[in-house]
Each structure stands twice: as structure tokens, then as C-alpha cells.
N, C-alpha and C. Protein backbone atom coordinates (compact mmCIF):
# COMPACT_ATOMS: atom_id res chain seq x y z
N MET A 1 64.32 20.90 -3.85
CA MET A 1 64.24 21.01 -2.39
C MET A 1 65.05 19.90 -1.76
N LEU A 2 65.79 20.23 -0.73
CA LEU A 2 66.55 19.24 0.00
C LEU A 2 65.57 18.32 0.72
N GLY A 3 65.49 17.05 0.27
CA GLY A 3 64.50 16.13 0.82
C GLY A 3 65.09 15.12 1.78
N LYS A 4 66.27 14.62 1.49
CA LYS A 4 66.90 13.66 2.38
C LYS A 4 68.41 13.69 2.15
N VAL A 5 69.14 13.12 3.09
CA VAL A 5 70.59 13.09 2.99
C VAL A 5 70.97 11.84 2.19
N THR A 6 71.43 12.05 0.96
CA THR A 6 71.83 10.94 0.09
C THR A 6 73.31 10.64 0.29
N PRO A 7 73.77 9.46 -0.14
CA PRO A 7 75.21 9.17 -0.05
C PRO A 7 76.06 10.20 -0.81
N GLU A 8 75.53 10.65 -1.97
CA GLU A 8 76.28 11.66 -2.74
C GLU A 8 76.43 12.95 -1.96
N LEU A 9 75.35 13.36 -1.30
CA LEU A 9 75.40 14.59 -0.51
C LEU A 9 76.34 14.43 0.68
N SER A 10 76.27 13.30 1.35
CA SER A 10 77.14 13.06 2.50
C SER A 10 78.62 13.13 2.10
N ALA A 11 78.94 12.57 0.94
CA ALA A 11 80.33 12.58 0.48
C ALA A 11 80.81 14.00 0.22
N LEU A 12 79.95 14.84 -0.37
CA LEU A 12 80.34 16.22 -0.62
C LEU A 12 80.42 17.03 0.68
N LEU A 13 79.50 16.78 1.59
CA LEU A 13 79.54 17.51 2.87
C LEU A 13 80.84 17.25 3.61
N ALA A 14 81.39 16.06 3.46
CA ALA A 14 82.65 15.73 4.13
C ALA A 14 83.81 16.55 3.57
N ASN A 15 83.64 17.12 2.38
CA ASN A 15 84.69 17.94 1.75
C ASN A 15 84.23 19.37 1.53
N THR A 16 83.38 19.85 2.42
CA THR A 16 82.82 21.19 2.30
C THR A 16 83.26 22.05 3.48
N ASP A 17 83.75 23.26 3.17
CA ASP A 17 84.13 24.20 4.22
C ASP A 17 82.96 25.08 4.64
N ARG A 18 82.09 25.42 3.68
CA ARG A 18 80.97 26.30 4.00
C ARG A 18 79.71 25.82 3.29
N VAL A 19 78.62 25.72 4.06
CA VAL A 19 77.31 25.41 3.51
C VAL A 19 76.44 26.66 3.60
N THR A 20 75.85 27.04 2.49
CA THR A 20 74.89 28.13 2.48
C THR A 20 73.51 27.54 2.23
N LEU A 21 72.63 27.71 3.20
CA LEU A 21 71.28 27.13 3.14
C LEU A 21 70.30 28.22 2.74
N LEU A 22 69.67 28.02 1.58
CA LEU A 22 68.64 28.95 1.11
C LEU A 22 67.30 28.43 1.62
N SER A 23 66.78 29.07 2.65
CA SER A 23 65.59 28.56 3.31
C SER A 23 64.42 29.50 3.13
N GLY A 24 63.24 28.92 3.09
CA GLY A 24 62.03 29.72 3.01
C GLY A 24 60.85 28.82 2.70
N PRO A 25 59.65 29.36 2.76
CA PRO A 25 58.46 28.57 2.44
C PRO A 25 58.34 28.32 0.95
N SER A 26 57.47 27.40 0.58
CA SER A 26 57.22 27.12 -0.84
C SER A 26 56.72 28.38 -1.53
N GLY A 27 57.33 28.70 -2.66
CA GLY A 27 56.91 29.87 -3.43
C GLY A 27 57.62 31.15 -3.07
N ALA A 28 58.58 31.09 -2.15
CA ALA A 28 59.26 32.33 -1.73
C ALA A 28 60.34 32.77 -2.72
N GLY A 29 60.91 31.83 -3.47
CA GLY A 29 61.94 32.19 -4.44
C GLY A 29 63.27 31.49 -4.25
N LYS A 30 63.27 30.34 -3.55
CA LYS A 30 64.52 29.63 -3.31
C LYS A 30 65.17 29.14 -4.61
N SER A 31 64.37 28.51 -5.46
CA SER A 31 64.91 27.99 -6.72
C SER A 31 65.36 29.11 -7.64
N THR A 32 64.65 30.24 -7.60
CA THR A 32 65.04 31.39 -8.41
C THR A 32 66.41 31.90 -7.98
N LEU A 33 66.64 32.00 -6.67
CA LEU A 33 67.94 32.45 -6.19
C LEU A 33 69.02 31.42 -6.50
N MET A 34 68.68 30.14 -6.40
CA MET A 34 69.67 29.11 -6.71
C MET A 34 70.12 29.21 -8.17
N ARG A 35 69.19 29.47 -9.08
CA ARG A 35 69.56 29.63 -10.49
C ARG A 35 70.44 30.85 -10.68
N ALA A 36 70.16 31.93 -9.95
CA ALA A 36 70.98 33.13 -10.06
C ALA A 36 72.40 32.88 -9.53
N ILE A 37 72.52 32.13 -8.45
CA ILE A 37 73.84 31.79 -7.92
C ILE A 37 74.63 30.98 -8.93
N ARG A 38 73.94 30.14 -9.64
CA ARG A 38 74.61 29.28 -10.62
C ARG A 38 75.09 30.06 -11.84
N THR A 39 74.36 31.10 -12.26
CA THR A 39 74.63 31.72 -13.56
C THR A 39 75.01 33.19 -13.52
N ASP A 40 74.68 33.92 -12.46
CA ASP A 40 74.86 35.37 -12.43
C ASP A 40 76.14 35.76 -11.68
N PRO A 41 77.14 36.31 -12.35
CA PRO A 41 78.40 36.67 -11.68
C PRO A 41 78.20 37.66 -10.54
N ASP A 42 77.27 38.61 -10.67
CA ASP A 42 77.05 39.59 -9.61
C ASP A 42 76.51 38.91 -8.35
N VAL A 43 75.59 37.98 -8.52
CA VAL A 43 75.06 37.25 -7.37
C VAL A 43 76.13 36.35 -6.78
N GLN A 44 76.92 35.72 -7.64
CA GLN A 44 78.01 34.89 -7.15
C GLN A 44 78.98 35.70 -6.29
N ALA A 45 79.29 36.91 -6.73
CA ALA A 45 80.22 37.77 -5.98
C ALA A 45 79.66 38.12 -4.61
N SER A 46 78.34 38.28 -4.51
CA SER A 46 77.74 38.62 -3.22
C SER A 46 77.87 37.48 -2.21
N PHE A 47 78.14 36.27 -2.72
CA PHE A 47 78.36 35.12 -1.84
C PHE A 47 79.84 34.75 -1.75
N GLY A 48 80.71 35.65 -2.20
CA GLY A 48 82.14 35.42 -2.06
C GLY A 48 82.74 34.53 -3.12
N LEU A 49 82.01 34.31 -4.21
CA LEU A 49 82.53 33.48 -5.30
C LEU A 49 83.11 34.41 -6.36
N ILE A 50 84.39 34.72 -6.23
CA ILE A 50 85.02 35.72 -7.09
C ILE A 50 85.33 35.14 -8.47
N ASP A 51 86.00 34.00 -8.51
CA ASP A 51 86.30 33.36 -9.78
C ASP A 51 85.10 32.54 -10.25
N ARG A 52 85.12 32.19 -11.51
CA ARG A 52 84.02 31.40 -12.05
C ARG A 52 83.95 30.05 -11.34
N PRO A 53 82.83 29.75 -10.69
CA PRO A 53 82.74 28.51 -9.91
C PRO A 53 82.81 27.27 -10.81
N ALA A 54 83.37 26.20 -10.26
CA ALA A 54 83.39 24.91 -10.95
C ALA A 54 82.27 24.07 -10.32
N TRP A 55 81.07 24.20 -10.88
CA TRP A 55 79.90 23.64 -10.23
C TRP A 55 79.76 22.13 -10.44
N ILE A 56 79.37 21.45 -9.38
CA ILE A 56 78.75 20.13 -9.46
C ILE A 56 77.28 20.37 -9.15
N VAL A 57 76.39 20.01 -10.07
CA VAL A 57 74.98 20.39 -9.96
C VAL A 57 74.11 19.19 -9.64
N ASP A 58 73.31 19.35 -8.58
CA ASP A 58 72.26 18.39 -8.24
C ASP A 58 72.68 16.92 -8.23
N PRO A 59 73.72 16.55 -7.51
CA PRO A 59 74.02 15.12 -7.41
C PRO A 59 73.03 14.45 -6.47
N GLY A 60 72.45 13.34 -6.88
CA GLY A 60 71.49 12.67 -6.01
C GLY A 60 70.14 13.36 -6.01
N LEU A 61 69.40 13.19 -4.93
CA LEU A 61 68.03 13.69 -4.85
C LEU A 61 67.95 14.96 -4.03
N TRP A 62 68.74 15.99 -4.43
CA TRP A 62 68.67 17.25 -3.71
C TRP A 62 68.93 18.39 -4.68
N GLU A 63 68.38 19.54 -4.36
CA GLU A 63 68.58 20.72 -5.19
C GLU A 63 69.75 21.50 -4.62
N GLY A 64 70.88 21.47 -5.31
CA GLY A 64 72.04 22.13 -4.75
C GLY A 64 73.15 22.35 -5.74
N LEU A 65 74.16 23.09 -5.28
CA LEU A 65 75.36 23.38 -6.06
C LEU A 65 76.57 23.18 -5.16
N TYR A 66 77.66 22.72 -5.76
CA TYR A 66 78.90 22.56 -5.01
C TYR A 66 80.04 23.10 -5.87
N ASP A 67 80.81 24.02 -5.30
CA ASP A 67 81.95 24.61 -5.99
C ASP A 67 83.22 23.95 -5.47
N SER A 68 83.88 23.14 -6.30
CA SER A 68 85.05 22.40 -5.87
C SER A 68 86.25 23.31 -5.60
N ARG A 69 86.25 24.52 -6.17
CA ARG A 69 87.38 25.43 -5.96
C ARG A 69 87.37 26.03 -4.56
N THR A 70 86.20 26.48 -4.12
CA THR A 70 86.10 27.11 -2.80
C THR A 70 85.56 26.17 -1.74
N ARG A 71 85.22 24.93 -2.15
CA ARG A 71 84.62 23.95 -1.24
C ARG A 71 83.38 24.54 -0.57
N SER A 72 82.56 25.20 -1.40
CA SER A 72 81.32 25.82 -0.93
C SER A 72 80.12 25.07 -1.49
N MET A 73 79.13 24.84 -0.64
CA MET A 73 77.92 24.16 -1.06
C MET A 73 76.71 25.05 -0.82
N PHE A 74 75.78 25.01 -1.77
CA PHE A 74 74.52 25.75 -1.66
C PHE A 74 73.37 24.76 -1.74
N LEU A 75 72.48 24.81 -0.75
CA LEU A 75 71.34 23.90 -0.69
C LEU A 75 70.07 24.70 -0.44
N THR A 76 68.95 24.21 -0.94
CA THR A 76 67.67 24.81 -0.59
C THR A 76 67.01 23.97 0.49
N TYR A 77 66.28 24.66 1.37
CA TYR A 77 65.54 23.98 2.44
C TYR A 77 64.18 24.63 2.57
N ASN A 78 63.14 23.82 2.41
CA ASN A 78 61.77 24.32 2.54
C ASN A 78 61.38 24.30 4.01
N HIS A 79 61.25 25.48 4.62
CA HIS A 79 60.95 25.45 6.05
C HIS A 79 59.48 25.18 6.36
N ASN A 80 58.70 24.87 5.31
CA ASN A 80 57.38 24.26 5.52
C ASN A 80 57.50 22.77 5.82
N ARG A 81 58.68 22.22 5.59
CA ARG A 81 58.89 20.77 5.64
C ARG A 81 58.45 20.16 6.97
N VAL A 82 58.81 20.78 8.08
CA VAL A 82 58.46 20.18 9.38
C VAL A 82 56.95 20.16 9.59
N TRP A 83 56.26 21.12 8.98
CA TRP A 83 54.80 21.18 9.09
C TRP A 83 54.15 20.17 8.14
N ILE A 84 54.67 20.07 6.91
CA ILE A 84 54.11 19.14 5.93
C ILE A 84 54.26 17.70 6.39
N ARG A 85 55.42 17.37 6.93
CA ARG A 85 55.73 15.98 7.27
C ARG A 85 55.53 15.66 8.75
N ASN A 86 54.97 16.61 9.48
CA ASN A 86 54.70 16.40 10.91
C ASN A 86 55.95 15.93 11.65
N ILE A 87 57.08 16.58 11.35
CA ILE A 87 58.34 16.20 11.99
C ILE A 87 58.38 16.66 13.44
N GLY A 88 57.72 17.76 13.73
CA GLY A 88 57.73 18.29 15.09
C GLY A 88 58.36 19.66 15.11
N ASP A 89 59.68 19.69 15.31
CA ASP A 89 60.39 20.96 15.37
C ASP A 89 61.60 20.88 14.45
N TYR A 90 62.16 22.04 14.13
CA TYR A 90 63.34 22.06 13.25
C TYR A 90 64.50 21.28 13.86
N SER A 91 64.62 21.30 15.16
CA SER A 91 65.71 20.57 15.82
C SER A 91 65.56 19.06 15.68
N ASP A 92 64.36 18.58 15.28
CA ASP A 92 64.12 17.15 15.08
C ASP A 92 64.36 16.70 13.64
N ASP A 93 64.68 17.64 12.76
CA ASP A 93 64.85 17.32 11.34
C ASP A 93 66.27 16.80 11.10
N GLU A 94 66.39 15.57 10.65
CA GLU A 94 67.69 14.96 10.43
C GLU A 94 68.53 15.75 9.44
N ILE A 95 67.90 16.31 8.44
CA ILE A 95 68.63 17.07 7.43
C ILE A 95 69.36 18.25 8.06
N LEU A 96 68.66 19.00 8.89
CA LEU A 96 69.28 20.16 9.54
C LEU A 96 70.38 19.73 10.50
N HIS A 97 70.19 18.60 11.14
CA HIS A 97 71.22 18.09 12.05
C HIS A 97 72.51 17.82 11.29
N VAL A 98 72.40 17.22 10.10
CA VAL A 98 73.59 16.89 9.30
C VAL A 98 74.25 18.15 8.77
N VAL A 99 73.44 19.07 8.25
CA VAL A 99 73.98 20.30 7.66
C VAL A 99 74.70 21.14 8.70
N ARG A 100 74.22 21.12 9.94
CA ARG A 100 74.83 21.93 11.00
C ARG A 100 76.21 21.43 11.40
N GLN A 101 76.62 20.27 10.92
CA GLN A 101 77.95 19.75 11.25
C GLN A 101 79.05 20.39 10.41
N SER A 102 78.68 21.21 9.43
CA SER A 102 79.68 21.85 8.56
C SER A 102 80.50 22.87 9.35
N ASN A 103 81.69 23.17 8.84
CA ASN A 103 82.56 24.12 9.52
C ASN A 103 81.92 25.50 9.62
N GLU A 104 81.22 25.91 8.58
CA GLU A 104 80.56 27.22 8.56
C GLU A 104 79.19 27.05 7.90
N LEU A 105 78.16 27.47 8.61
CA LEU A 105 76.80 27.39 8.08
C LEU A 105 76.24 28.80 7.93
N VAL A 106 75.95 29.18 6.69
CA VAL A 106 75.35 30.47 6.38
C VAL A 106 73.91 30.21 5.95
N VAL A 107 72.99 30.97 6.52
CA VAL A 107 71.57 30.82 6.19
C VAL A 107 71.07 32.09 5.50
N VAL A 108 70.37 31.91 4.40
CA VAL A 108 69.65 33.01 3.75
C VAL A 108 68.16 32.67 3.86
N THR A 109 67.46 33.41 4.71
CA THR A 109 66.02 33.19 4.87
C THR A 109 65.28 34.04 3.85
N ILE A 110 64.59 33.36 2.94
CA ILE A 110 63.84 34.04 1.88
C ILE A 110 62.37 34.06 2.30
N TRP A 111 61.78 35.23 2.29
CA TRP A 111 60.42 35.35 2.80
C TRP A 111 59.58 36.24 1.88
N ASP A 112 58.28 36.16 2.08
CA ASP A 112 57.37 37.07 1.41
C ASP A 112 56.05 37.07 2.17
N ASP A 113 55.18 38.02 1.85
CA ASP A 113 53.90 38.13 2.54
C ASP A 113 53.04 36.90 2.26
N PRO A 114 52.23 36.49 3.25
CA PRO A 114 51.35 35.32 3.05
C PRO A 114 50.44 35.47 1.83
N GLU A 115 49.99 36.70 1.55
CA GLU A 115 49.10 36.90 0.41
C GLU A 115 49.80 36.55 -0.91
N ILE A 116 51.07 36.90 -1.01
CA ILE A 116 51.84 36.60 -2.22
C ILE A 116 52.11 35.10 -2.31
N LEU A 117 52.44 34.48 -1.18
CA LEU A 117 52.66 33.04 -1.17
C LEU A 117 51.39 32.30 -1.56
N LEU A 118 50.24 32.78 -1.10
CA LEU A 118 48.97 32.16 -1.45
C LEU A 118 48.71 32.26 -2.95
N ARG A 119 49.00 33.42 -3.52
CA ARG A 119 48.80 33.62 -4.96
C ARG A 119 49.68 32.65 -5.76
N ARG A 120 50.93 32.49 -5.34
CA ARG A 120 51.82 31.58 -6.04
C ARG A 120 51.39 30.12 -5.85
N ALA A 121 50.87 29.80 -4.66
CA ALA A 121 50.39 28.44 -4.42
C ALA A 121 49.22 28.12 -5.33
N ASN A 122 48.31 29.06 -5.52
CA ASN A 122 47.17 28.84 -6.40
C ASN A 122 47.63 28.65 -7.84
N THR A 123 48.66 29.40 -8.26
CA THR A 123 49.20 29.23 -9.61
C THR A 123 49.77 27.83 -9.79
N ARG A 124 50.49 27.35 -8.79
CA ARG A 124 51.07 26.02 -8.88
C ARG A 124 49.98 24.94 -8.88
N ILE A 125 48.93 25.14 -8.11
CA ILE A 125 47.84 24.17 -8.08
C ILE A 125 47.19 24.07 -9.46
N ARG A 126 46.94 25.22 -10.07
CA ARG A 126 46.33 25.20 -11.41
C ARG A 126 47.24 24.49 -12.41
N SER A 127 48.54 24.73 -12.31
CA SER A 127 49.48 24.09 -13.22
C SER A 127 49.49 22.57 -13.03
N THR A 128 49.50 22.13 -11.78
CA THR A 128 49.51 20.70 -11.51
C THR A 128 48.21 20.04 -11.96
N LEU A 129 47.10 20.70 -11.71
CA LEU A 129 45.81 20.16 -12.13
C LEU A 129 45.73 20.01 -13.64
N SER A 130 46.25 21.00 -14.36
CA SER A 130 46.21 20.93 -15.82
C SER A 130 47.02 19.75 -16.34
N LYS A 131 48.13 19.43 -15.66
CA LYS A 131 48.94 18.29 -16.07
C LYS A 131 48.22 16.97 -15.76
N ILE A 132 47.54 16.93 -14.63
CA ILE A 132 46.84 15.71 -14.25
C ILE A 132 45.67 15.42 -15.20
N VAL A 133 44.89 16.46 -15.50
CA VAL A 133 43.71 16.24 -16.36
C VAL A 133 44.09 15.98 -17.81
N SER A 134 45.35 16.27 -18.18
CA SER A 134 45.78 16.00 -19.55
C SER A 134 46.03 14.51 -19.78
N PHE A 135 46.01 13.72 -18.68
CA PHE A 135 46.23 12.28 -18.72
C PHE A 135 47.69 11.90 -19.01
N LYS A 136 48.53 12.89 -19.31
CA LYS A 136 49.93 12.59 -19.60
C LYS A 136 50.77 12.53 -18.33
N TYR A 137 50.27 13.19 -17.28
CA TYR A 137 51.07 13.31 -16.06
C TYR A 137 50.32 12.76 -14.85
N ARG A 138 49.41 11.86 -15.05
CA ARG A 138 48.65 11.33 -13.91
C ARG A 138 49.49 10.27 -13.21
N THR A 139 50.50 10.73 -12.54
CA THR A 139 51.42 9.86 -11.83
C THR A 139 51.29 10.09 -10.34
N MET A 140 51.83 9.16 -9.57
CA MET A 140 51.80 9.32 -8.11
C MET A 140 52.53 10.58 -7.69
N LYS A 141 53.60 10.92 -8.43
CA LYS A 141 54.37 12.12 -8.09
C LYS A 141 53.50 13.37 -8.19
N HIS A 142 52.72 13.48 -9.27
CA HIS A 142 51.90 14.67 -9.45
C HIS A 142 50.72 14.70 -8.48
N LEU A 143 50.18 13.54 -8.17
CA LEU A 143 49.09 13.49 -7.21
C LEU A 143 49.58 13.87 -5.81
N TYR A 144 50.79 13.39 -5.47
CA TYR A 144 51.38 13.77 -4.18
C TYR A 144 51.67 15.27 -4.15
N ARG A 145 52.20 15.78 -5.26
CA ARG A 145 52.50 17.22 -5.35
C ARG A 145 51.24 18.05 -5.15
N LEU A 146 50.14 17.62 -5.77
CA LEU A 146 48.88 18.34 -5.62
C LEU A 146 48.41 18.32 -4.18
N ARG A 147 48.54 17.18 -3.53
CA ARG A 147 48.11 17.09 -2.13
C ARG A 147 48.92 18.05 -1.25
N VAL A 148 50.23 18.11 -1.48
CA VAL A 148 51.08 19.03 -0.70
C VAL A 148 50.71 20.47 -1.00
N GLN A 149 50.48 20.80 -2.28
CA GLN A 149 50.14 22.17 -2.65
C GLN A 149 48.81 22.61 -2.03
N LEU A 150 47.85 21.71 -1.96
CA LEU A 150 46.56 22.05 -1.33
C LEU A 150 46.76 22.27 0.17
N LYS A 151 47.62 21.48 0.78
CA LYS A 151 47.91 21.66 2.21
C LYS A 151 48.60 23.00 2.45
N LEU A 152 49.53 23.36 1.55
CA LEU A 152 50.21 24.65 1.69
C LEU A 152 49.24 25.80 1.51
N ARG A 153 48.29 25.66 0.59
CA ARG A 153 47.31 26.72 0.40
C ARG A 153 46.52 26.95 1.68
N SER A 154 46.18 25.87 2.38
CA SER A 154 45.45 26.04 3.64
C SER A 154 46.29 26.77 4.67
N LEU A 155 47.62 26.54 4.64
CA LEU A 155 48.52 27.27 5.54
C LEU A 155 48.57 28.74 5.19
N TYR A 156 48.74 29.04 3.90
CA TYR A 156 48.89 30.42 3.46
C TYR A 156 47.60 31.22 3.61
N GLN A 157 46.48 30.54 3.74
CA GLN A 157 45.21 31.23 3.97
C GLN A 157 45.08 31.71 5.41
N ASN A 158 46.06 31.33 6.25
CA ASN A 158 46.09 31.74 7.66
C ASN A 158 47.36 32.55 7.90
N PRO A 159 47.35 33.85 7.64
CA PRO A 159 48.58 34.66 7.75
C PRO A 159 49.26 34.56 9.11
N ASP A 160 48.49 34.53 10.19
CA ASP A 160 49.10 34.45 11.52
C ASP A 160 49.96 33.19 11.66
N GLN A 161 49.48 32.09 11.10
CA GLN A 161 50.24 30.84 11.18
C GLN A 161 51.52 30.93 10.35
N VAL A 162 51.45 31.62 9.21
CA VAL A 162 52.65 31.79 8.39
C VAL A 162 53.70 32.59 9.14
N TRP A 163 53.30 33.70 9.79
CA TRP A 163 54.26 34.51 10.52
C TRP A 163 54.82 33.76 11.72
N ARG A 164 54.01 32.92 12.36
CA ARG A 164 54.51 32.12 13.48
C ARG A 164 55.58 31.14 12.99
N GLN A 165 55.36 30.60 11.81
CA GLN A 165 56.35 29.67 11.26
C GLN A 165 57.66 30.39 10.95
N TYR A 166 57.59 31.58 10.38
CA TYR A 166 58.80 32.38 10.17
C TYR A 166 59.56 32.55 11.48
N ARG A 167 58.83 32.94 12.52
CA ARG A 167 59.49 33.21 13.80
C ARG A 167 60.12 31.95 14.40
N ARG A 168 59.44 30.82 14.25
CA ARG A 168 60.02 29.55 14.72
C ARG A 168 61.33 29.27 14.02
N TRP A 169 61.39 29.53 12.71
CA TRP A 169 62.62 29.29 11.95
C TRP A 169 63.73 30.23 12.40
N LEU A 170 63.40 31.49 12.57
CA LEU A 170 64.41 32.47 12.99
C LEU A 170 64.94 32.13 14.38
N THR A 171 64.06 31.70 15.25
CA THR A 171 64.49 31.32 16.61
C THR A 171 65.41 30.11 16.55
N PHE A 172 65.06 29.14 15.73
CA PHE A 172 65.91 27.95 15.58
C PHE A 172 67.32 28.36 15.12
N CYS A 173 67.39 29.21 14.09
CA CYS A 173 68.70 29.64 13.58
C CYS A 173 69.50 30.36 14.66
N ASP A 174 68.82 31.18 15.45
CA ASP A 174 69.49 31.94 16.50
C ASP A 174 70.05 31.02 17.59
N GLU A 175 69.35 29.92 17.84
CA GLU A 175 69.72 29.04 18.96
C GLU A 175 70.70 27.94 18.58
N HIS A 176 70.97 27.78 17.27
CA HIS A 176 71.77 26.63 16.86
C HIS A 176 73.04 27.01 16.09
N GLY A 177 73.64 28.10 16.45
CA GLY A 177 74.98 28.41 16.01
C GLY A 177 75.17 28.65 14.53
N VAL A 178 74.22 29.32 13.89
CA VAL A 178 74.41 29.70 12.50
C VAL A 178 75.52 30.74 12.41
N SER A 179 76.47 30.54 11.50
CA SER A 179 77.61 31.45 11.40
C SER A 179 77.18 32.84 10.95
N LYS A 180 76.37 32.89 9.89
CA LYS A 180 75.84 34.15 9.39
C LYS A 180 74.40 33.92 8.96
N HIS A 181 73.60 34.95 9.12
CA HIS A 181 72.18 34.82 8.76
C HIS A 181 71.76 36.08 8.00
N TRP A 182 71.22 35.85 6.80
CA TRP A 182 70.78 36.94 5.95
C TRP A 182 69.30 36.79 5.66
N SER A 183 68.67 37.91 5.37
CA SER A 183 67.26 37.90 5.01
C SER A 183 67.11 38.45 3.59
N LEU A 184 66.23 37.83 2.83
CA LEU A 184 65.98 38.25 1.46
C LEU A 184 64.48 38.15 1.20
N ARG A 185 63.90 39.27 0.81
CA ARG A 185 62.47 39.25 0.52
C ARG A 185 62.21 38.84 -0.92
N GLY A 186 61.45 37.78 -1.07
CA GLY A 186 61.03 37.34 -2.39
C GLY A 186 62.18 37.06 -3.31
N LYS A 187 62.11 37.57 -4.54
CA LYS A 187 63.06 37.20 -5.59
C LYS A 187 64.05 38.30 -5.92
N ASP A 188 64.18 39.31 -5.05
CA ASP A 188 65.08 40.42 -5.32
C ASP A 188 66.39 40.20 -4.60
N SER A 189 67.38 39.63 -5.30
CA SER A 189 68.64 39.27 -4.66
C SER A 189 69.43 40.48 -4.22
N SER A 190 69.08 41.68 -4.69
CA SER A 190 69.81 42.88 -4.28
C SER A 190 69.40 43.36 -2.88
N GLU A 191 68.34 42.77 -2.34
CA GLU A 191 67.82 43.22 -1.05
C GLU A 191 68.24 42.33 0.11
N MET A 192 69.33 41.60 -0.03
CA MET A 192 69.78 40.71 1.04
C MET A 192 70.37 41.54 2.18
N THR A 193 69.85 41.36 3.38
CA THR A 193 70.27 42.15 4.53
C THR A 193 70.64 41.23 5.69
N PRO A 194 71.56 41.67 6.57
CA PRO A 194 71.97 40.81 7.69
C PRO A 194 70.88 40.67 8.74
N MET A 195 70.81 39.48 9.34
CA MET A 195 69.84 39.22 10.41
C MET A 195 70.49 39.21 11.78
N THR A 196 71.83 39.19 11.83
CA THR A 196 72.52 39.15 13.11
C THR A 196 73.64 40.19 13.13
N ASP A 197 73.99 40.61 14.33
CA ASP A 197 75.08 41.56 14.51
C ASP A 197 75.85 41.13 15.75
N ASN A 198 77.08 40.58 15.54
CA ASN A 198 77.89 40.08 16.65
C ASN A 198 77.11 39.09 17.51
N GLY A 199 76.37 38.19 16.83
CA GLY A 199 75.64 37.16 17.54
C GLY A 199 74.28 37.58 18.05
N ARG A 200 73.95 38.88 17.93
CA ARG A 200 72.65 39.36 18.45
C ARG A 200 71.63 39.36 17.31
N PRO A 201 70.51 38.67 17.50
CA PRO A 201 69.50 38.66 16.42
C PRO A 201 68.88 40.03 16.20
N LEU A 202 68.85 40.46 14.94
CA LEU A 202 68.30 41.78 14.61
C LEU A 202 66.80 41.73 14.35
N TRP A 203 66.22 40.53 14.31
CA TRP A 203 64.81 40.42 13.95
C TRP A 203 63.89 40.61 15.13
N GLU A 204 64.42 40.66 16.35
CA GLU A 204 63.54 40.79 17.51
C GLU A 204 63.03 42.22 17.63
């Protein structure tokens, strides 16, 4: 997950023509799509990567890919972030402010039903708990992860709040000059559909 703007990321952004932001809540499938972009030629072609990309993978503290041939960057963004960290609004997030400075910003909003997100959150909680009780992983990182996962579970137990968060994200993208916006449900990369048509949001 894109957590902060590192010097390594800033240096690459300065040499990037297009940033593709894979956004969605925790458990929606952002990392799954990122792995497919890295390894699957069919998925790469859907993002305009015709030749085999020359990837730079995960420099610094961010989950991303950079293709030096096309000067294209792919980043994940957890749109639960503003809620988890009490940032306020998406327009107040420094990360989004920096990413929006790119020449072309493409957003892929990955979504799924709150019930499915809740199920995945519970699976992650069980996995984290098993690591903690094994005494091998009782680190601050895992304890922090568990705290965040429990907070996310409380969010996903309120479907209305989840849908409101989706709408806040879509409104932000519409109001802040996203070049292209696509929607993808869950982990099925073949179902990517456009969210805008000549600047008009199709989600309303």
C-alpha cells in the first residue's frame, strides 16, 4: 500500500509520464491486480503495455511498479486510508496531492460488496492472530496491523458507511482532474469498465 512519499518515489515520479493508481478498500484486490500487471501479458496489454515491461519493483516503502520503457508507474492506494488515519478528506492527503502532479493520472477503482470485504477482513484477522499467538511474530508491526484490521472490520459491518466511502472517493476523482477512470469489481481483471465519458461521470 502506498503509505508515504519516499525520496525514491519522488525521483521516479519526476520521470513518469503516466501514473495508474489502483485504488480501493482493504481486501478489494489491489495487490492481486498489481501482481497480474507485473506478470500477465494480457493484463499488461489492457493497460497499454505492449512490449515486455522493464520493471523497477517496490523501491522504498511503497507497493508499486515502474516501467522505464513507457515511463509508466503503477501504485496502489487504500481509500480507507483517510478514515484509518483521520486525515479528513481525500483532498487533504499529501500522497494524492503529489500523485496528481503527474502528466496523466489514470485511476482504477477496485470495489466489492461490504459483505465480501467483511469476510476477507475476518480471514486476515484470524491470520494475524495466529501469527501473534505463535510468539514468532509478536512485533509492533503485527500488533498495529491487528488494530487496523479490527477497525476495518467495524467499518465493513456498516454497509451504508462503506458505500458512502465509495461515493466520496468517486466524487473526489471526478472533481480533481483524473485523466481516465475505470471500475473493476473484486479480482476479475476482465471486468474493467469506464467510469467517465468525455468528462461526464457515469456512476451518478
